[in-house]
PDB file of all heavy atoms in Angstrom:
ATOM      1  N   VAL A   1      92.961 -26.803 143.054  1.00  0.00           N
ATOM      2  CA  VAL A   1      92.768 -26.671 141.606  1.00  0.00           C
ATOM      3  C   VAL A   1      91.432 -27.328 141.173  1.00  0.00           C
ATOM      4  O   VAL A   1      90.985 -28.320 141.690  1.00  0.00           O
ATOM      5  CB  VAL A   1      93.914 -27.354 140.847  1.00  0.00           C
ATOM      6  CG1 VAL A   1      93.955 -28.874 141.077  1.00  0.00           C
ATOM      7  CG2 VAL A   1      93.867 -27.043 139.366  1.00  0.00           C
ATOM      8  N   PHE A   2      90.758 -26.637 140.219  1.00  0.00           N
ATOM      9  CA  PHE A   2      89.588 -27.190 139.581  1.00  0.00           C
ATOM     10  C   PHE A   2      89.938 -27.472 138.171  1.00  0.00           C
ATOM     11  O   PHE A   2      90.186 -26.585 137.330  1.00  0.00           O
ATOM     12  CB  PHE A   2      88.434 -26.230 139.621  1.00  0.00           C
ATOM     13  CG  PHE A   2      87.164 -26.754 138.980  1.00  0.00           C
ATOM     14  CD1 PHE A   2      86.312 -27.565 139.671  1.00  0.00           C
ATOM     15  CD2 PHE A   2      86.910 -26.453 137.637  1.00  0.00           C
ATOM     16  CE1 PHE A   2      85.135 -28.046 139.038  1.00  0.00           C
ATOM     17  CE2 PHE A   2      85.795 -26.926 136.969  1.00  0.00           C
ATOM     18  CZ  PHE A   2      84.933 -27.794 137.676  1.00  0.00           C
ATOM     19  N   VAL A   3      90.021 -28.762 137.797  1.00  0.00           N
ATOM     20  CA  VAL A   3      90.327 -29.173 136.488  1.00  0.00           C
ATOM     21  C   VAL A   3      89.603 -30.445 136.101  1.00  0.00           C
ATOM     22  O   VAL A   3      89.246 -31.268 136.988  1.00  0.00           O
ATOM     23  CB  VAL A   3      91.878 -29.397 136.294  1.00  0.00           C
ATOM     24  CG1 VAL A   3      92.346 -30.602 137.176  1.00  0.00           C
ATOM     25  CG2 VAL A   3      92.246 -29.578 134.862  1.00  0.00           C
ATOM     26  N   ILE A   4      89.227 -30.620 134.873  1.00  0.00           N
ATOM     27  CA  ILE A   4      88.498 -31.759 134.420  1.00  0.00           C
ATOM     28  C   ILE A   4      89.441 -32.890 134.026  1.00  0.00           C
ATOM     29  O   ILE A   4      90.408 -32.720 133.326  1.00  0.00           O
ATOM     30  CB  ILE A   4      87.610 -31.424 133.169  1.00  0.00           C
ATOM     31  CG1 ILE A   4      86.673 -30.242 133.517  1.00  0.00           C
ATOM     32  CG2 ILE A   4      86.837 -32.629 132.741  1.00  0.00           C
ATOM     33  CD1 ILE A   4      85.728 -30.552 134.664  1.00  0.00           C
ATOM     34  N   GLY A   5      89.165 -34.102 134.591  1.00  0.00           N
ATOM     35  CA  GLY A   5      90.017 -35.263 134.384  1.00  0.00           C
ATOM     36  C   GLY A   5      89.726 -35.876 133.002  1.00  0.00           C
ATOM     37  O   GLY A   5      88.817 -35.409 132.246  1.00  0.00           O
ATOM     38  N   GLU A   6      90.390 -37.025 132.715  1.00  0.00           N
ATOM     39  CA  GLU A   6      90.222 -37.659 131.440  1.00  0.00           C
ATOM     40  C   GLU A   6      88.733 -38.247 131.276  1.00  0.00           C
ATOM     41  O   GLU A   6      88.341 -38.471 130.151  1.00  0.00           O
ATOM     42  CB  GLU A   6      91.227 -38.815 131.310  1.00  0.00           C
ATOM     43  CG  GLU A   6      92.670 -38.424 131.563  1.00  0.00           C
ATOM     44  CD  GLU A   6      93.187 -37.378 130.649  1.00  0.00           C
ATOM     45  OE1 GLU A   6      92.556 -37.059 129.662  1.00  0.00           O
ATOM     46  OE2 GLU A   6      94.311 -36.821 130.933  1.00  0.00           O
ATOM     47  N   ASN A   7      88.095 -38.477 132.410  1.00  0.00           N
ATOM     48  CA  ASN A   7      86.747 -39.094 132.345  1.00  0.00           C
ATOM     49  C   ASN A   7      85.659 -38.022 132.224  1.00  0.00           C
ATOM     50  O   ASN A   7      84.477 -38.293 132.279  1.00  0.00           O
ATOM     51  CB  ASN A   7      86.501 -39.915 133.603  1.00  0.00           C
ATOM     52  CG  ASN A   7      86.654 -39.153 134.873  1.00  0.00           C
ATOM     53  OD1 ASN A   7      86.739 -37.917 134.856  1.00  0.00           O
ATOM     54  ND2 ASN A   7      86.628 -39.854 136.022  1.00  0.00           N
ATOM     55  N   GLY A   8      86.064 -36.714 132.058  1.00  0.00           N
ATOM     56  CA  GLY A   8      85.070 -35.662 131.841  1.00  0.00           C
ATOM     57  C   GLY A   8      84.552 -35.086 133.191  1.00  0.00           C
ATOM     58  O   GLY A   8      83.626 -34.302 133.205  1.00  0.00           O
ATOM     59  N   ARG A   9      85.055 -35.572 134.314  1.00  0.00           N
ATOM     60  CA  ARG A   9      84.628 -35.067 135.611  1.00  0.00           C
ATOM     61  C   ARG A   9      85.706 -34.327 136.344  1.00  0.00           C
ATOM     62  O   ARG A   9      86.939 -34.542 136.089  1.00  0.00           O
ATOM     63  CB  ARG A   9      84.224 -36.287 136.473  1.00  0.00           C
ATOM     64  CG  ARG A   9      83.080 -37.133 135.902  1.00  0.00           C
ATOM     65  CD  ARG A   9      82.811 -38.355 136.799  1.00  0.00           C
ATOM     66  NE  ARG A   9      81.830 -39.231 136.209  1.00  0.00           N
ATOM     67  CZ  ARG A   9      81.408 -40.319 136.802  1.00  0.00           C
ATOM     68  NH1 ARG A   9      81.927 -40.719 137.958  1.00  0.00           N
ATOM     69  NH2 ARG A   9      80.500 -41.097 136.184  1.00  0.00           N
ATOM     70  N   PRO A  10      85.370 -33.368 137.193  1.00  0.00           N
ATOM     71  CA  PRO A  10      86.418 -32.654 137.964  1.00  0.00           C
ATOM     72  C   PRO A  10      87.211 -33.605 138.778  1.00  0.00           C
ATOM     73  O   PRO A  10      86.690 -34.542 139.415  1.00  0.00           O
ATOM     74  CB  PRO A  10      85.574 -31.699 138.831  1.00  0.00           C
ATOM     75  CG  PRO A  10      84.238 -31.569 138.142  1.00  0.00           C
ATOM     76  CD  PRO A  10      83.992 -32.898 137.528  1.00  0.00           C
ATOM     77  N   LEU A  11      88.518 -33.397 138.886  1.00  0.00           N
ATOM     78  CA  LEU A  11      89.356 -34.198 139.747  1.00  0.00           C
ATOM     79  C   LEU A  11      88.911 -33.926 141.188  1.00  0.00           C
ATOM     80  O   LEU A  11      88.724 -32.785 141.575  1.00  0.00           O
ATOM     81  CB  LEU A  11      90.836 -33.822 139.587  1.00  0.00           C
ATOM     82  CG  LEU A  11      91.571 -34.306 138.390  1.00  0.00           C
ATOM     83  CD1 LEU A  11      93.053 -33.959 138.503  1.00  0.00           C
ATOM     84  CD2 LEU A  11      91.418 -35.796 138.117  1.00  0.00           C
ATOM     85  N   PRO A  12      88.845 -35.005 142.026  1.00  0.00           N
ATOM     86  CA  PRO A  12      88.503 -34.770 143.398  1.00  0.00           C
ATOM     87  C   PRO A  12      89.706 -34.326 144.233  1.00  0.00           C
ATOM     88  O   PRO A  12      90.828 -34.414 143.750  1.00  0.00           O
ATOM     89  CB  PRO A  12      88.067 -36.171 143.887  1.00  0.00           C
ATOM     90  CG  PRO A  12      88.914 -37.091 142.990  1.00  0.00           C
ATOM     91  CD  PRO A  12      89.006 -36.438 141.639  1.00  0.00           C
ATOM     92  N   MET A  13      89.433 -33.790 145.381  1.00  0.00           N
ATOM     93  CA  MET A  13      90.519 -33.424 146.281  1.00  0.00           C
ATOM     94  C   MET A  13      91.102 -34.676 146.817  1.00  0.00           C
ATOM     95  O   MET A  13      90.458 -35.432 147.570  1.00  0.00           O
ATOM     96  CB  MET A  13      90.014 -32.502 147.408  1.00  0.00           C
ATOM     97  CG  MET A  13      89.384 -31.262 146.922  1.00  0.00           C
ATOM     98  SD  MET A  13      88.834 -30.234 148.382  1.00  0.00           S
ATOM     99  CE  MET A  13      87.911 -28.946 147.502  1.00  0.00           C
ATOM    100  N   SER A  14      92.371 -34.952 146.533  1.00  0.00           N
ATOM    101  CA  SER A  14      93.018 -36.198 146.951  1.00  0.00           C
ATOM    102  C   SER A  14      94.482 -36.128 146.755  1.00  0.00           C
ATOM    103  O   SER A  14      95.010 -35.266 146.029  1.00  0.00           O
ATOM    104  CB  SER A  14      92.451 -37.365 146.173  1.00  0.00           C
ATOM    105  OG  SER A  14      92.888 -37.308 144.830  1.00  0.00           O
ATOM    106  N   CYS A  15      95.233 -37.122 147.381  1.00  0.00           N
ATOM    107  CA  CYS A  15      96.658 -37.173 147.186  1.00  0.00           C
ATOM    108  C   CYS A  15      96.995 -37.464 145.733  1.00  0.00           C
ATOM    109  O   CYS A  15      97.928 -36.996 145.199  1.00  0.00           O
ATOM    110  CB  CYS A  15      97.285 -38.234 148.149  1.00  0.00           C
ATOM    111  SG  CYS A  15      99.069 -38.375 148.041  1.00  0.00           S
ATOM    112  N   ALA A  16      96.197 -38.344 145.118  1.00  0.00           N
ATOM    113  CA  ALA A  16      96.429 -38.697 143.693  1.00  0.00           C
ATOM    114  C   ALA A  16      96.349 -37.475 142.840  1.00  0.00           C
ATOM    115  O   ALA A  16      97.113 -37.260 141.965  1.00  0.00           O
ATOM    116  CB  ALA A  16      95.442 -39.787 143.269  1.00  0.00           C
ATOM    117  N   SER A  17      95.332 -36.623 143.109  1.00  0.00           N
ATOM    118  CA  SER A  17      95.187 -35.370 142.344  1.00  0.00           C
ATOM    119  C   SER A  17      96.390 -34.451 142.526  1.00  0.00           C
ATOM    120  O   SER A  17      96.827 -33.795 141.614  1.00  0.00           O
ATOM    121  CB  SER A  17      93.887 -34.654 142.705  1.00  0.00           C
ATOM    122  OG  SER A  17      92.750 -35.389 142.346  1.00  0.00           O
ATOM    123  N   ALA A  18      96.867 -34.479 143.742  1.00  0.00           N
ATOM    124  CA  ALA A  18      98.100 -33.666 143.997  1.00  0.00           C
ATOM    125  C   ALA A  18      99.253 -34.128 143.135  1.00  0.00           C
ATOM    126  O   ALA A  18     100.014 -33.253 142.612  1.00  0.00           O
ATOM    127  CB  ALA A  18      98.504 -33.781 145.529  1.00  0.00           C
ATOM    128  N   GLY A  19      99.382 -35.432 142.924  1.00  0.00           N
ATOM    129  CA  GLY A  19     100.406 -35.930 142.098  1.00  0.00           C
ATOM    130  C   GLY A  19     100.244 -35.522 140.653  1.00  0.00           C
ATOM    131  O   GLY A  19     101.168 -35.025 139.954  1.00  0.00           O
ATOM    132  N   PHE A  20      99.001 -35.757 140.090  1.00  0.00           N
ATOM    133  CA  PHE A  20      98.785 -35.445 138.690  1.00  0.00           C
ATOM    134  C   PHE A  20      98.938 -33.997 138.421  1.00  0.00           C
ATOM    135  O   PHE A  20      99.628 -33.557 137.501  1.00  0.00           O
ATOM    136  CB  PHE A  20      97.241 -35.766 138.313  1.00  0.00           C
ATOM    137  CG  PHE A  20      96.948 -37.226 138.554  1.00  0.00           C
ATOM    138  CD1 PHE A  20      95.609 -37.574 138.884  1.00  0.00           C
ATOM    139  CD2 PHE A  20      97.836 -38.271 138.431  1.00  0.00           C
ATOM    140  CE1 PHE A  20      95.254 -38.921 139.061  1.00  0.00           C
ATOM    141  CE2 PHE A  20      97.521 -39.591 138.616  1.00  0.00           C
ATOM    142  CZ  PHE A  20      96.249 -39.930 138.953  1.00  0.00           C
ATOM    143  N   THR A  21      98.300 -33.143 139.230  1.00  0.00           N
ATOM    144  CA  THR A  21      98.327 -31.719 138.976  1.00  0.00           C
ATOM    145  C   THR A  21      99.684 -31.091 139.234  1.00  0.00           C
ATOM    146  O   THR A  21     100.124 -30.148 138.574  1.00  0.00           O
ATOM    147  CB  THR A  21      97.223 -30.992 139.804  1.00  0.00           C
ATOM    148  OG1 THR A  21      97.449 -31.263 141.186  1.00  0.00           O
ATOM    149  CG2 THR A  21      95.844 -31.459 139.418  1.00  0.00           C
ATOM    150  N   GLY A  22     100.408 -31.714 140.232  1.00  0.00           N
ATOM    151  CA  GLY A  22     101.733 -31.162 140.522  1.00  0.00           C
ATOM    152  C   GLY A  22     102.724 -31.466 139.360  1.00  0.00           C
ATOM    153  O   GLY A  22     103.460 -30.578 138.974  1.00  0.00           O
ATOM    154  N   MET A  23     102.671 -32.632 138.829  1.00  0.00           N
ATOM    155  CA  MET A  23     103.497 -33.010 137.633  1.00  0.00           C
ATOM    156  C   MET A  23     103.190 -32.092 136.462  1.00  0.00           C
ATOM    157  O   MET A  23     104.115 -31.613 135.794  1.00  0.00           O
ATOM    158  CB  MET A  23     103.334 -34.452 137.295  1.00  0.00           C
ATOM    159  CG  MET A  23     104.026 -35.420 138.287  1.00  0.00           C
ATOM    160  SD  MET A  23     104.031 -37.097 137.711  1.00  0.00           S
ATOM    161  CE  MET A  23     102.286 -37.573 138.010  1.00  0.00           C
ATOM    162  N   GLN A  24     101.880 -31.813 136.263  1.00  0.00           N
ATOM    163  CA  GLN A  24     101.501 -30.987 135.096  1.00  0.00           C
ATOM    164  C   GLN A  24     101.904 -29.517 135.365  1.00  0.00           C
ATOM    165  O   GLN A  24     102.428 -28.835 134.469  1.00  0.00           O
ATOM    166  CB  GLN A  24     100.035 -31.092 134.839  1.00  0.00           C
ATOM    167  CG  GLN A  24      99.572 -30.338 133.567  1.00  0.00           C
ATOM    168  CD  GLN A  24     100.223 -30.946 132.341  1.00  0.00           C
ATOM    169  OE1 GLN A  24      99.811 -32.038 131.882  1.00  0.00           O
ATOM    170  NE2 GLN A  24     101.205 -30.270 131.744  1.00  0.00           N
ATOM    171  N   ALA A  25     101.747 -29.014 136.574  1.00  0.00           N
ATOM    172  CA  ALA A  25     102.056 -27.634 136.816  1.00  0.00           C
ATOM    173  C   ALA A  25     103.559 -27.440 136.678  1.00  0.00           C
ATOM    174  O   ALA A  25     103.983 -26.403 136.068  1.00  0.00           O
ATOM    175  CB  ALA A  25     101.583 -27.245 138.243  1.00  0.00           C
ATOM    176  N   THR A  26     104.354 -28.298 137.236  1.00  0.00           N
ATOM    177  CA  THR A  26     105.843 -28.118 137.147  1.00  0.00           C
ATOM    178  C   THR A  26     106.297 -28.219 135.693  1.00  0.00           C
ATOM    179  O   THR A  26     107.182 -27.448 135.247  1.00  0.00           O
ATOM    180  CB  THR A  26     106.576 -29.113 138.020  1.00  0.00           C
ATOM    181  OG1 THR A  26     106.159 -30.436 137.683  1.00  0.00           O
ATOM    182  CG2 THR A  26     106.374 -28.849 139.476  1.00  0.00           C
ATOM    183  N   ALA A  27     105.677 -29.139 134.941  1.00  0.00           N
ATOM    184  CA  ALA A  27     106.074 -29.274 133.486  1.00  0.00           C
ATOM    185  C   ALA A  27     105.728 -27.964 132.750  1.00  0.00           C
ATOM    186  O   ALA A  27     106.542 -27.479 131.932  1.00  0.00           O
ATOM    187  CB  ALA A  27     105.327 -30.404 132.869  1.00  0.00           C
ATOM    188  N   ALA A  28     104.584 -27.300 133.099  1.00  0.00           N
ATOM    189  CA  ALA A  28     104.207 -26.058 132.467  1.00  0.00           C
ATOM    190  C   ALA A  28     105.128 -24.964 132.856  1.00  0.00           C
ATOM    191  O   ALA A  28     105.519 -24.127 132.032  1.00  0.00           O
ATOM    192  CB  ALA A  28     102.740 -25.792 132.814  1.00  0.00           C
ATOM    193  N   ILE A  29     105.479 -24.857 134.159  1.00  0.00           N
ATOM    194  CA  ILE A  29     106.358 -23.757 134.585  1.00  0.00           C
ATOM    195  C   ILE A  29     107.726 -23.882 133.853  1.00  0.00           C
ATOM    196  O   ILE A  29     108.263 -22.934 133.342  1.00  0.00           O
ATOM    197  CB  ILE A  29     106.522 -23.860 136.084  1.00  0.00           C
ATOM    198  CG1 ILE A  29     105.249 -23.442 136.814  1.00  0.00           C
ATOM    199  CG2 ILE A  29     107.673 -22.927 136.558  1.00  0.00           C
ATOM    200  CD1 ILE A  29     105.278 -23.617 138.309  1.00  0.00           C
TER     201      ILE A  29
END
């Protein structure tokens, strides 16, 4: 996923990003 974080920068590829984006994606679904 390419998404801008709260600091205005793209989220890096990482386990933490997997958690953030996963929680948001499931909430949206």
